[in-house]
Amino acid sequence: MNEQMGGSMSTDMLENIIEVNEQNFQSAVLEESSKRLVVIDFWADWCAPCKALMPVLEKLANEYAGQFLLAKVNADEQQNISGQFGIRSLPTVIFMKEGQPIDAFQGAQSEKEIREVLDKHLPKPWDAQLVAAQQLLAEKDYQAALEILRSAYKDSEQRYDIALSLAFTLVEMNRCDEAQTVMDAIALADREAHYERLLASLELKREAGKSPEIQALEAQLNKDPDNLQLAYQLALQFSQNSQFKEALDLLLMVVKEDKEFQEGAAKKAFLDVLASMGKGEPLAVEYQRKFFNILY
């Protein structure tokens, strides 16, 4: 989209590329930069490097589909705007956020170099995923939030705030061992007050999750660790309490000792737990592999 604008920008759709003049500068550049990144390209007809750079910027503006606005300023025609920015050579490209320049370069740059600058200043996909997950958590839709957070956690290379949201979700779902694994992976330098509060919540959840039935069965199994019937019953209690890892560990032990335990009841229970966890669950994938290794 490359059209001269009037005084304000359409709110019906995001523009990718505009031409800037004194009439639309306030709305198209200053005000818009409080909503998203604005990339100002100062150019002129006589400038050969400008003509090499502009198609690259336009291509990226369309590819990024509204994540940033390319604002083109003809430096010869818009000398007041060029003067405000102290433009001394062309092309000059300035990156604006919140009405302030945050980065710039002069001269023609490669597409790769421009992408690197853009990626420094544009929101990452996992930022939007985190916002979406937090909305789902507010609605107590923990399963949907979990799926989004797992993806964001992996793609962001286990970023601290995403890790905490993932661990919180697992705690709320009573999947304490999995939450502990996520929290253990958080760097020591990042373990601040929020981490400590969540760790305390995890311990409380772990204790509260032990119903009298679970406590009694655990005590009996500790005294008689080879009793497959007790292990099977405790696994069922764990699965009903969404303590999937504990349930799977016990059922795996039962199947390993007796593949046809109670006419295949342990195998069926194991597969039922996997199914209840949903598709793509890393824990389910891990235990499915262990299960088939024992069977075959």
C-alpha atoms as a PDB file:
ATOM      1  CA  MET A   1       0.000   0.000   0.000  1.00  0.00           C
ATOM      2  CA  ASN A   2       1.715   3.160  -1.121  1.00  0.00           C
ATOM      3  CA  GLU A   3      -0.699   6.073  -1.097  1.00  0.00           C
ATOM      4  CA  GLN A   4      -0.648   9.677   0.041  1.00  0.00           C
ATOM      5  CA  MET A   5      -2.426  10.091   3.344  1.00  0.00           C
ATOM      6  CA  GLY A   6      -4.538  12.827   4.768  1.00  0.00           C
ATOM      7  CA  GLY A   7      -4.623  13.891   8.373  1.00  0.00           C
ATOM      8  CA  SER A   8      -5.241  10.546  10.081  1.00  0.00           C
ATOM      9  CA  MET A   9      -4.699   6.858   9.587  1.00  0.00           C
ATOM     10  CA  SER A  10      -7.568   4.459   8.942  1.00  0.00           C
ATOM     11  CA  THR A  11      -8.378   2.334  11.975  1.00  0.00           C
ATOM     12  CA  ASP A  12     -10.161  -0.311   9.893  1.00  0.00           C
ATOM     13  CA  MET A  13      -6.918  -1.921   8.762  1.00  0.00           C
ATOM     14  CA  LEU A  14      -3.236  -1.555   9.463  1.00  0.00           C
ATOM     15  CA  GLU A  15      -1.271   0.248   6.778  1.00  0.00           C
ATOM     16  CA  ASN A  16       2.090  -1.290   5.883  1.00  0.00           C
ATOM     17  CA  ILE A  17       3.590   1.628   3.927  1.00  0.00           C
ATOM     18  CA  ILE A  18       2.723   5.333   3.810  1.00  0.00           C
ATOM     19  CA  GLU A  19       4.184   8.532   2.435  1.00  0.00           C
ATOM     20  CA  VAL A  20       4.699  11.148   5.116  1.00  0.00           C
ATOM     21  CA  ASN A  21       4.127  14.869   4.863  1.00  0.00           C
ATOM     22  CA  GLU A  22       3.689  17.674   7.386  1.00  0.00           C
ATOM     23  CA  GLN A  23      -0.080  17.131   7.457  1.00  0.00           C
ATOM     24  CA  ASN A  24       0.031  13.490   8.542  1.00  0.00           C
ATOM     25  CA  PHE A  25       3.375  13.430  10.410  1.00  0.00           C
ATOM     26  CA  GLN A  26       1.802  13.789  13.869  1.00  0.00           C
ATOM     27  CA  SER A  27      -0.732  10.982  13.432  1.00  0.00           C
ATOM     28  CA  ALA A  28       1.170   8.678  11.077  1.00  0.00           C
ATOM     29  CA  VAL A  29       4.541   8.788  12.822  1.00  0.00           C
ATOM     30  CA  LEU A  30       4.438  10.180  16.362  1.00  0.00           C
ATOM     31  CA  GLU A  31       1.052   8.821  17.454  1.00  0.00           C
ATOM     32  CA  GLU A  32       1.385   5.551  15.543  1.00  0.00           C
ATOM     33  CA  SER A  33       4.765   4.863  17.163  1.00  0.00           C
ATOM     34  CA  SER A  34       2.987   4.495  20.513  1.00  0.00           C
ATOM     35  CA  LYS A  35       1.089   1.528  19.037  1.00  0.00           C
ATOM     36  CA  ARG A  36       3.820  -0.200  16.994  1.00  0.00           C
ATOM     37  CA  LEU A  37       7.282   0.279  15.556  1.00  0.00           C
ATOM     38  CA  VAL A  38       7.532   2.991  12.875  1.00  0.00           C
ATOM     39  CA  VAL A  39      10.427   2.824  10.420  1.00  0.00           C
ATOM     40  CA  ILE A  40      11.089   6.179   8.728  1.00  0.00           C
ATOM     41  CA  ASP A  41      12.930   6.045   5.412  1.00  0.00           C
ATOM     42  CA  PHE A  42      14.420   9.406   4.358  1.00  0.00           C
ATOM     43  CA  TRP A  43      15.096   9.304   0.616  1.00  0.00           C
ATOM     44  CA  ALA A  44      15.326  11.451  -2.533  1.00  0.00           C
ATOM     45  CA  ASP A  45      14.858  10.927  -6.279  1.00  0.00           C
ATOM     46  CA  TRP A  46      18.513  11.654  -7.081  1.00  0.00           C
ATOM     47  CA  CYS A  47      19.827   9.153  -4.501  1.00  0.00           C
ATOM     48  CA  ALA A  48      20.826   5.811  -6.089  1.00  0.00           C
ATOM     49  CA  PRO A  49      21.348   3.960  -2.747  1.00  0.00           C
ATOM     50  CA  CYS A  50      17.848   5.126  -1.728  1.00  0.00           C
ATOM     51  CA  LYS A  51      16.392   3.441  -4.792  1.00  0.00           C
ATOM     52  CA  ALA A  52      18.265   0.227  -3.956  1.00  0.00           C
ATOM     53  CA  LEU A  53      17.125   0.281  -0.323  1.00  0.00           C
ATOM     54  CA  MET A  54      13.475   1.205  -0.729  1.00  0.00           C
ATOM     55  CA  PRO A  55      12.297  -2.050  -2.437  1.00  0.00           C
ATOM     56  CA  VAL A  56      13.915  -4.043   0.382  1.00  0.00           C
ATOM     57  CA  LEU A  57      12.120  -2.004   3.040  1.00  0.00           C
ATOM     58  CA  GLU A  58       8.819  -2.268   1.153  1.00  0.00           C
ATOM     59  CA  LYS A  59       9.194  -6.021   0.798  1.00  0.00           C
ATOM     60  CA  LEU A  60       9.796  -6.391   4.556  1.00  0.00           C
ATOM     61  CA  ALA A  61       6.914  -4.043   5.430  1.00  0.00           C
ATOM     62  CA  ASN A  62       4.514  -6.204   3.415  1.00  0.00           C
ATOM     63  CA  GLU A  63       5.998  -9.454   4.679  1.00  0.00           C
ATOM     64  CA  TYR A  64       5.698  -8.382   8.322  1.00  0.00           C
ATOM     65  CA  ALA A  65       2.077  -7.474   7.539  1.00  0.00           C
ATOM     66  CA  GLY A  66       1.500  -4.519   9.817  1.00  0.00           C
ATOM     67  CA  GLN A  67       3.908  -5.391  12.620  1.00  0.00           C
ATOM     68  CA  PHE A  68       5.692  -2.174  11.729  1.00  0.00           C
ATOM     69  CA  LEU A  69       4.820   0.857   9.602  1.00  0.00           C
ATOM     70  CA  LEU A  70       7.191   1.991   6.864  1.00  0.00           C
ATOM     71  CA  ALA A  71       6.926   5.784   6.707  1.00  0.00           C
ATOM     72  CA  LYS A  72       8.611   7.179   3.571  1.00  0.00           C
ATOM     73  CA  VAL A  73       9.828  10.770   3.700  1.00  0.00           C
ATOM     74  CA  ASN A  74      10.999  12.512   0.521  1.00  0.00           C
ATOM     75  CA  ALA A  75      13.776  14.583   2.085  1.00  0.00           C
ATOM     76  CA  ASP A  76      13.766  17.187  -0.711  1.00  0.00           C
ATOM     77  CA  GLU A  77      10.002  17.791  -0.506  1.00  0.00           C
ATOM     78  CA  GLN A  78       9.710  17.509   3.300  1.00  0.00           C
ATOM     79  CA  GLN A  79      12.655  19.606   4.424  1.00  0.00           C
ATOM     80  CA  ASN A  80      11.054  20.608   7.725  1.00  0.00           C
ATOM     81  CA  ILE A  81      10.651  16.983   8.765  1.00  0.00           C
ATOM     82  CA  SER A  82      14.196  16.163   7.626  1.00  0.00           C
ATOM     83  CA  GLY A  83      15.444  19.159   9.611  1.00  0.00           C
ATOM     84  CA  GLN A  84      13.685  17.977  12.778  1.00  0.00           C
ATOM     85  CA  PHE A  85      15.633  14.722  12.585  1.00  0.00           C
ATOM     86  CA  GLY A  86      18.910  16.362  11.603  1.00  0.00           C
ATOM     87  CA  ILE A  87      19.225  14.371   8.388  1.00  0.00           C
ATOM     88  CA  ARG A  88      22.659  14.929   6.813  1.00  0.00           C
ATOM     89  CA  SER A  89      22.943  12.029   4.353  1.00  0.00           C
ATOM     90  CA  LEU A  90      20.633   9.763   2.387  1.00  0.00           C
ATOM     91  CA  PRO A  91      19.288   7.238   2.747  1.00  0.00           C
ATOM     92  CA  THR A  92      18.796   7.469   6.509  1.00  0.00           C
ATOM     93  CA  VAL A  93      16.418   5.062   8.254  1.00  0.00           C
ATOM     94  CA  ILE A  94      15.166   5.816  11.768  1.00  0.00           C
ATOM     95  CA  PHE A  95      13.255   3.431  14.018  1.00  0.00           C
ATOM     96  CA  MET A  96      10.662   5.060  16.278  1.00  0.00           C
ATOM     97  CA  LYS A  97       8.795   3.862  19.363  1.00  0.00           C
ATOM     98  CA  GLU A  98       6.718   5.939  21.771  1.00  0.00           C
ATOM     99  CA  GLY A  99       7.504   9.069  19.749  1.00  0.00           C
ATOM    100  CA  GLN A 100      11.287   8.625  20.205  1.00  0.00           C
ATOM    101  CA  PRO A 101      14.070   7.368  17.905  1.00  0.00           C
ATOM    102  CA  ILE A 102      15.408   4.075  19.247  1.00  0.00           C
ATOM    103  CA  ASP A 103      17.711   3.005  16.408  1.00  0.00           C
ATOM    104  CA  ALA A 104      18.952   4.145  13.003  1.00  0.00           C
ATOM    105  CA  PHE A 105      21.251   3.397  10.112  1.00  0.00           C
ATOM    106  CA  GLN A 106      22.603   5.290   7.111  1.00  0.00           C
ATOM    107  CA  GLY A 107      23.291   4.023   3.620  1.00  0.00           C
ATOM    108  CA  ALA A 108      21.992   0.925   1.870  1.00  0.00           C
ATOM    109  CA  GLN A 109      21.845  -2.200   4.062  1.00  0.00           C
ATOM    110  CA  SER A 110      21.273  -5.834   3.189  1.00  0.00           C
ATOM    111  CA  GLU A 111      17.939  -7.479   3.858  1.00  0.00           C
ATOM    112  CA  LYS A 112      19.581  -9.700   6.476  1.00  0.00           C
ATOM    113  CA  GLU A 113      21.006  -6.674   8.339  1.00  0.00           C
ATOM    114  CA  ILE A 114      17.638  -4.904   8.321  1.00  0.00           C
ATOM    115  CA  ARG A 115      15.881  -8.037   9.597  1.00  0.00           C
ATOM    116  CA  GLU A 116      18.307  -8.191  12.502  1.00  0.00           C
ATOM    117  CA  VAL A 117      17.458  -4.615  13.522  1.00  0.00           C
ATOM    118  CA  LEU A 118      13.726  -5.262  13.150  1.00  0.00           C
ATOM    119  CA  ASP A 119      13.894  -8.442  15.218  1.00  0.00           C
ATOM    120  CA  LYS A 120      15.585  -6.480  18.011  1.00  0.00           C
ATOM    121  CA  HIS A 121      12.628  -4.136  18.291  1.00  0.00           C
ATOM    122  CA  LEU A 122       9.551  -6.142  17.270  1.00  0.00           C
ATOM    123  CA  PRO A 123       7.548  -8.257  19.723  1.00  0.00           C
ATOM    124  CA  LYS A 124       8.407 -11.939  19.566  1.00  0.00           C
ATOM    125  CA  PRO A 125       5.665 -14.504  18.733  1.00  0.00           C
ATOM    126  CA  TRP A 126       5.890 -15.934  22.240  1.00  0.00           C
ATOM    127  CA  ASP A 127       5.041 -12.535  23.741  1.00  0.00           C
ATOM    128  CA  ALA A 128       1.616 -12.745  22.087  1.00  0.00           C
ATOM    129  CA  GLN A 129       1.319 -16.403  23.127  1.00  0.00           C
ATOM    130  CA  LEU A 130       1.999 -15.457  26.741  1.00  0.00           C
ATOM    131  CA  VAL A 131      -0.720 -12.786  26.673  1.00  0.00           C
ATOM    132  CA  ALA A 132      -3.185 -15.286  25.164  1.00  0.00           C
ATOM    133  CA  ALA A 133      -2.284 -17.903  27.783  1.00  0.00           C
ATOM    134  CA  GLN A 134      -2.702 -15.428  30.637  1.00  0.00           C
ATOM    135  CA  GLN A 135      -6.204 -14.637  29.387  1.00  0.00           C
ATOM    136  CA  LEU A 136      -7.029 -18.358  29.376  1.00  0.00           C
ATOM    137  CA  LEU A 137      -5.604 -18.702  32.893  1.00  0.00           C
ATOM    138  CA  ALA A 138      -7.858 -15.858  34.058  1.00  0.00           C
ATOM    139  CA  GLU A 139     -10.760 -17.910  32.668  1.00  0.00           C
ATOM    140  CA  LYS A 140      -9.367 -21.039  34.394  1.00  0.00           C
ATOM    141  CA  ASP A 141      -9.012 -22.833  31.064  1.00  0.00           C
ATOM    142  CA  TYR A 142      -5.803 -24.495  32.187  1.00  0.00           C
ATOM    143  CA  GLN A 143      -5.587 -27.161  29.471  1.00  0.00           C
ATOM    144  CA  ALA A 144      -5.758 -24.617  26.637  1.00  0.00           C
ATOM    145  CA  ALA A 145      -3.275 -22.345  28.424  1.00  0.00           C
ATOM    146  CA  LEU A 146      -0.928 -25.272  28.943  1.00  0.00           C
ATOM    147  CA  GLU A 147      -0.766 -26.081  25.231  1.00  0.00           C
ATOM    148  CA  ILE A 148       0.089 -22.480  24.339  1.00  0.00           C
ATOM    149  CA  LEU A 149       2.636 -22.095  27.132  1.00  0.00           C
ATOM    150  CA  ARG A 150       4.476 -25.301  26.228  1.00  0.00           C
ATOM    151  CA  SER A 151       5.028 -23.940  22.729  1.00  0.00           C
ATOM    152  CA  ALA A 152       6.069 -20.489  23.984  1.00  0.00           C
ATOM    153  CA  TYR A 153       8.379 -22.047  26.582  1.00  0.00           C
ATOM    154  CA  LYS A 154      10.192 -24.077  23.944  1.00  0.00           C
ATOM    155  CA  ASP A 155      10.355 -21.338  21.277  1.00  0.00           C
ATOM    156  CA  SER A 156      11.571 -18.684  23.738  1.00  0.00           C
ATOM    157  CA  GLU A 157      14.296 -21.031  24.963  1.00  0.00           C
ATOM    158  CA  GLN A 158      12.686 -21.308  28.393  1.00  0.00           C
ATOM    159  CA  ARG A 159      12.331 -17.595  29.110  1.00  0.00           C
ATOM    160  CA  TYR A 160      11.890 -16.907  32.819  1.00  0.00           C
ATOM    161  CA  ASP A 161       8.436 -15.301  32.870  1.00  0.00           C
ATOM    162  CA  ILE A 162       7.038 -17.926  30.500  1.00  0.00           C
ATOM    163  CA  ALA A 163       8.581 -20.686  32.624  1.00  0.00           C
ATOM    164  CA  LEU A 164       6.828 -19.316  35.709  1.00  0.00           C
ATOM    165  CA  SER A 165       3.475 -19.146  33.913  1.00  0.00           C
ATOM    166  CA  LEU A 166       3.936 -22.717  32.698  1.00  0.00           C
ATOM    167  CA  ALA A 167       4.863 -23.928  36.185  1.00  0.00           C
ATOM    168  CA  PHE A 168       1.888 -22.068  37.693  1.00  0.00           C
ATOM    169  CA  THR A 169      -0.457 -23.746  35.191  1.00  0.00           C
ATOM    170  CA  LEU A 170       0.929 -27.184  36.016  1.00  0.00           C
ATOM    171  CA  VAL A 171       0.545 -26.508  39.744  1.00  0.00           C
ATOM    172  CA  GLU A 172      -3.077 -25.476  39.244  1.00  0.00           C
ATOM    173  CA  MET A 173      -3.623 -28.715  37.304  1.00  0.00           C
ATOM    174  CA  ASN A 174      -2.066 -30.650  40.209  1.00  0.00           C
ATOM    175  CA  ARG A 175       0.798 -31.821  38.013  1.00  0.00           C
ATOM    176  CA  CYS A 176       3.351 -31.040  40.658  1.00  0.00           C
ATOM    177  CA  ASP A 177       6.268 -33.154  39.465  1.00  0.00           C
ATOM    178  CA  GLU A 178       6.113 -31.561  36.018  1.00  0.00           C
ATOM    179  CA  ALA A 179       5.920 -28.099  37.592  1.00  0.00           C
ATOM    180  CA  GLN A 180       8.958 -28.956  39.704  1.00  0.00           C
ATOM    181  CA  THR A 181      10.899 -29.956  36.575  1.00  0.00           C
ATOM    182  CA  VAL A 182      10.130 -26.597  34.933  1.00  0.00           C
ATOM    183  CA  MET A 183      11.095 -24.678  38.075  1.00  0.00           C
ATOM    184  CA  ASP A 184      14.315 -26.634  38.531  1.00  0.00           C
ATOM    185  CA  ALA A 185      15.383 -25.524  35.038  1.00  0.00           C
ATOM    186  CA  ILE A 186      15.087 -21.819  35.948  1.00  0.00           C
ATOM    187  CA  ALA A 187      18.510 -20.221  36.357  1.00  0.00           C
ATOM    188  CA  LEU A 188      19.558 -19.432  39.938  1.00  0.00           C
ATOM    189  CA  ALA A 189      19.979 -15.751  39.032  1.00  0.00           C
ATOM    190  CA  ASP A 190      16.289 -15.580  38.041  1.00  0.00           C
ATOM    191  CA  ARG A 191      14.893 -17.101  41.218  1.00  0.00           C
ATOM    192  CA  GLU A 192      13.354 -14.013  42.747  1.00  0.00           C
ATOM    193  CA  ALA A 193      10.277 -13.387  44.928  1.00  0.00           C
ATOM    194  CA  HIS A 194       7.784 -14.639  42.315  1.00  0.00           C
ATOM    195  CA  TYR A 195       9.723 -17.885  42.020  1.00  0.00           C
ATOM    196  CA  GLU A 196       9.777 -18.370  45.804  1.00  0.00           C
ATOM    197  CA  ARG A 197       6.026 -17.744  46.102  1.00  0.00           C
ATOM    198  CA  LEU A 198       5.303 -20.253  43.365  1.00  0.00           C
ATOM    199  CA  LEU A 199       7.606 -22.803  44.978  1.00  0.00           C
ATOM    200  CA  ALA A 200       5.678 -22.412  48.234  1.00  0.00           C
ATOM    201  CA  SER A 201       2.391 -22.870  46.346  1.00  0.00           C
ATOM    202  CA  LEU A 202       3.805 -26.010  44.751  1.00  0.00           C
ATOM    203  CA  GLU A 203       4.663 -27.518  48.131  1.00  0.00           C
ATOM    204  CA  LEU A 204       1.217 -26.672  49.527  1.00  0.00           C
ATOM    205  CA  LYS A 205      -0.463 -28.190  46.460  1.00  0.00           C
ATOM    206  CA  ARG A 206       1.648 -31.309  46.781  1.00  0.00           C
ATOM    207  CA  GLU A 207       0.606 -31.796  50.415  1.00  0.00           C
ATOM    208  CA  ALA A 208      -3.052 -30.926  49.773  1.00  0.00           C
ATOM    209  CA  GLY A 209      -3.110 -33.392  46.903  1.00  0.00           C
ATOM    210  CA  LYS A 210      -2.504 -36.306  49.224  1.00  0.00           C
ATOM    211  CA  SER A 211      -6.002 -37.507  50.046  1.00  0.00           C
ATOM    212  CA  PRO A 212      -6.476 -39.957  52.953  1.00  0.00           C
ATOM    213  CA  GLU A 213      -6.869 -42.751  50.379  1.00  0.00           C
ATOM    214  CA  ILE A 214      -3.581 -41.851  48.704  1.00  0.00           C
ATOM    215  CA  GLN A 215      -1.773 -41.508  52.038  1.00  0.00           C
ATOM    216  CA  ALA A 216      -3.069 -44.893  53.216  1.00  0.00           C
ATOM    217  CA  LEU A 217      -2.100 -46.638  49.982  1.00  0.00           C
ATOM    218  CA  GLU A 218       1.350 -45.013  49.991  1.00  0.00           C
ATOM    219  CA  ALA A 219       1.927 -46.245  53.538  1.00  0.00           C
ATOM    220  CA  GLN A 220       0.863 -49.782  52.624  1.00  0.00           C
ATOM    221  CA  LEU A 221       3.005 -49.793  49.471  1.00  0.00           C
ATOM    222  CA  ASN A 222       6.037 -48.595  51.410  1.00  0.00           C
ATOM    223  CA  LYS A 223       5.676 -51.637  53.651  1.00  0.00           C
ATOM    224  CA  ASP A 224       4.993 -53.988  50.745  1.00  0.00           C
ATOM    225  CA  PRO A 225       6.722 -52.484  47.664  1.00  0.00           C
ATOM    226  CA  ASP A 226       6.282 -55.611  45.532  1.00  0.00           C
ATOM    227  CA  ASN A 227       2.498 -55.663  45.895  1.00  0.00           C
ATOM    228  CA  LEU A 228       1.263 -54.969  42.349  1.00  0.00           C
ATOM    229  CA  GLN A 229      -2.364 -54.685  43.454  1.00  0.00           C
ATOM    230  CA  LEU A 230      -1.502 -51.863  45.862  1.00  0.00           C
ATOM    231  CA  ALA A 231       0.605 -50.127  43.188  1.00  0.00           C
ATOM    232  CA  TYR A 232      -2.260 -50.402  40.699  1.00  0.00           C
ATOM    233  CA  GLN A 233      -4.815 -48.982  43.155  1.00  0.00           C
ATOM    234  CA  LEU A 234      -2.497 -46.110  44.094  1.00  0.00           C
ATOM    235  CA  ALA A 235      -1.912 -45.358  40.395  1.00  0.00           C
ATOM    236  CA  LEU A 236      -5.663 -45.090  39.840  1.00  0.00           C
ATOM    237  CA  GLN A 237      -5.940 -42.670  42.761  1.00  0.00           C
ATOM    238  CA  PHE A 238      -3.088 -40.583  41.367  1.00  0.00           C
ATOM    239  CA  SER A 239      -4.662 -40.459  37.898  1.00  0.00           C
ATOM    240  CA  GLN A 240      -7.999 -39.302  39.334  1.00  0.00           C
ATOM    241  CA  ASN A 241      -6.076 -36.547  41.126  1.00  0.00           C
ATOM    242  CA  SER A 242      -4.351 -35.460  37.856  1.00  0.00           C
ATOM    243  CA  GLN A 243      -1.005 -36.626  39.254  1.00  0.00           C
ATOM    244  CA  PHE A 244      -0.194 -38.186  35.927  1.00  0.00           C
ATOM    245  CA  LYS A 245       3.533 -38.741  36.284  1.00  0.00           C
ATOM    246  CA  GLU A 246       3.116 -40.589  39.580  1.00  0.00           C
ATOM    247  CA  ALA A 247       0.319 -42.690  38.070  1.00  0.00           C
ATOM    248  CA  LEU A 248       2.328 -43.536  34.954  1.00  0.00           C
ATOM    249  CA  ASP A 249       5.427 -44.496  36.951  1.00  0.00           C
ATOM    250  CA  LEU A 250       3.443 -46.966  39.039  1.00  0.00           C
ATOM    251  CA  LEU A 251       1.515 -48.421  36.090  1.00  0.00           C
ATOM    252  CA  LEU A 252       4.749 -48.806  34.151  1.00  0.00           C
ATOM    253  CA  MET A 253       6.207 -50.731  37.073  1.00  0.00           C
ATOM    254  CA  VAL A 254       3.143 -52.991  37.218  1.00  0.00           C
ATOM    255  CA  VAL A 255       3.210 -53.708  33.467  1.00  0.00           C
ATOM    256  CA  LYS A 256       6.942 -54.360  33.589  1.00  0.00           C
ATOM    257  CA  GLU A 257       6.426 -56.992  36.300  1.00  0.00           C
ATOM    258  CA  ASP A 258       3.252 -58.497  34.842  1.00  0.00           C
ATOM    259  CA  LYS A 259       2.281 -57.539  31.284  1.00  0.00           C
ATOM    260  CA  GLU A 260      -1.148 -59.172  31.652  1.00  0.00           C
ATOM    261  CA  PHE A 261      -1.900 -57.891  35.155  1.00  0.00           C
ATOM    262  CA  GLN A 262      -5.656 -58.311  35.800  1.00  0.00           C
ATOM    263  CA  GLU A 263      -6.286 -59.306  32.201  1.00  0.00           C
ATOM    264  CA  GLY A 264      -4.603 -56.186  30.836  1.00  0.00           C
ATOM    265  CA  ALA A 265      -6.192 -53.691  33.273  1.00  0.00           C
ATOM    266  CA  ALA A 266      -2.855 -51.993  34.029  1.00  0.00           C
ATOM    267  CA  LYS A 267      -2.076 -51.590  30.324  1.00  0.00           C
ATOM    268  CA  LYS A 268      -5.524 -50.137  29.675  1.00  0.00           C
ATOM    269  CA  ALA A 269      -5.217 -47.763  32.640  1.00  0.00           C
ATOM    270  CA  PHE A 270      -1.813 -46.620  31.381  1.00  0.00           C
ATOM    271  CA  LEU A 271      -3.192 -45.834  27.927  1.00  0.00           C
ATOM    272  CA  ASP A 272      -6.233 -44.101  29.456  1.00  0.00           C
ATOM    273  CA  VAL A 273      -3.942 -41.789  31.444  1.00  0.00           C
ATOM    274  CA  LEU A 274      -1.977 -40.944  28.290  1.00  0.00           C
ATOM    275  CA  ALA A 275      -5.197 -40.205  26.406  1.00  0.00           C
ATOM    276  CA  SER A 276      -6.493 -37.949  29.191  1.00  0.00           C
ATOM    277  CA  MET A 277      -3.367 -35.794  28.964  1.00  0.00           C
ATOM    278  CA  GLY A 278      -4.131 -34.640  25.422  1.00  0.00           C
ATOM    279  CA  LYS A 279      -2.146 -34.744  22.201  1.00  0.00           C
ATOM    280  CA  GLY A 280       1.387 -33.460  21.994  1.00  0.00           C
ATOM    281  CA  GLU A 281       2.067 -33.609  25.736  1.00  0.00           C
ATOM    282  CA  PRO A 282       5.821 -34.118  26.183  1.00  0.00           C
ATOM    283  CA  LEU A 283       5.211 -36.286  29.250  1.00  0.00           C
ATOM    284  CA  ALA A 284       2.765 -38.476  27.321  1.00  0.00           C
ATOM    285  CA  VAL A 285       5.223 -38.856  24.442  1.00  0.00           C
ATOM    286  CA  GLU A 286       8.018 -39.790  26.859  1.00  0.00           C
ATOM    287  CA  TYR A 287       5.968 -42.423  28.690  1.00  0.00           C
ATOM    288  CA  GLN A 288       4.472 -43.842  25.521  1.00  0.00           C
ATOM    289  CA  ARG A 289       8.028 -44.572  24.377  1.00  0.00           C
ATOM    290  CA  LYS A 290       8.846 -46.232  27.723  1.00  0.00           C
ATOM    291  CA  PHE A 291       5.643 -48.289  27.503  1.00  0.00           C
ATOM    292  CA  PHE A 292       6.426 -49.659  24.045  1.00  0.00           C
ATOM    293  CA  ASN A 293      10.015 -50.426  25.076  1.00  0.00           C
ATOM    294  CA  ILE A 294       8.658 -52.655  27.846  1.00  0.00           C
ATOM    295  CA  LEU A 295       6.055 -54.346  25.637  1.00  0.00           C
ATOM    296  CA  TYR A 296       8.240 -54.889  22.601  1.00  0.00           C
END
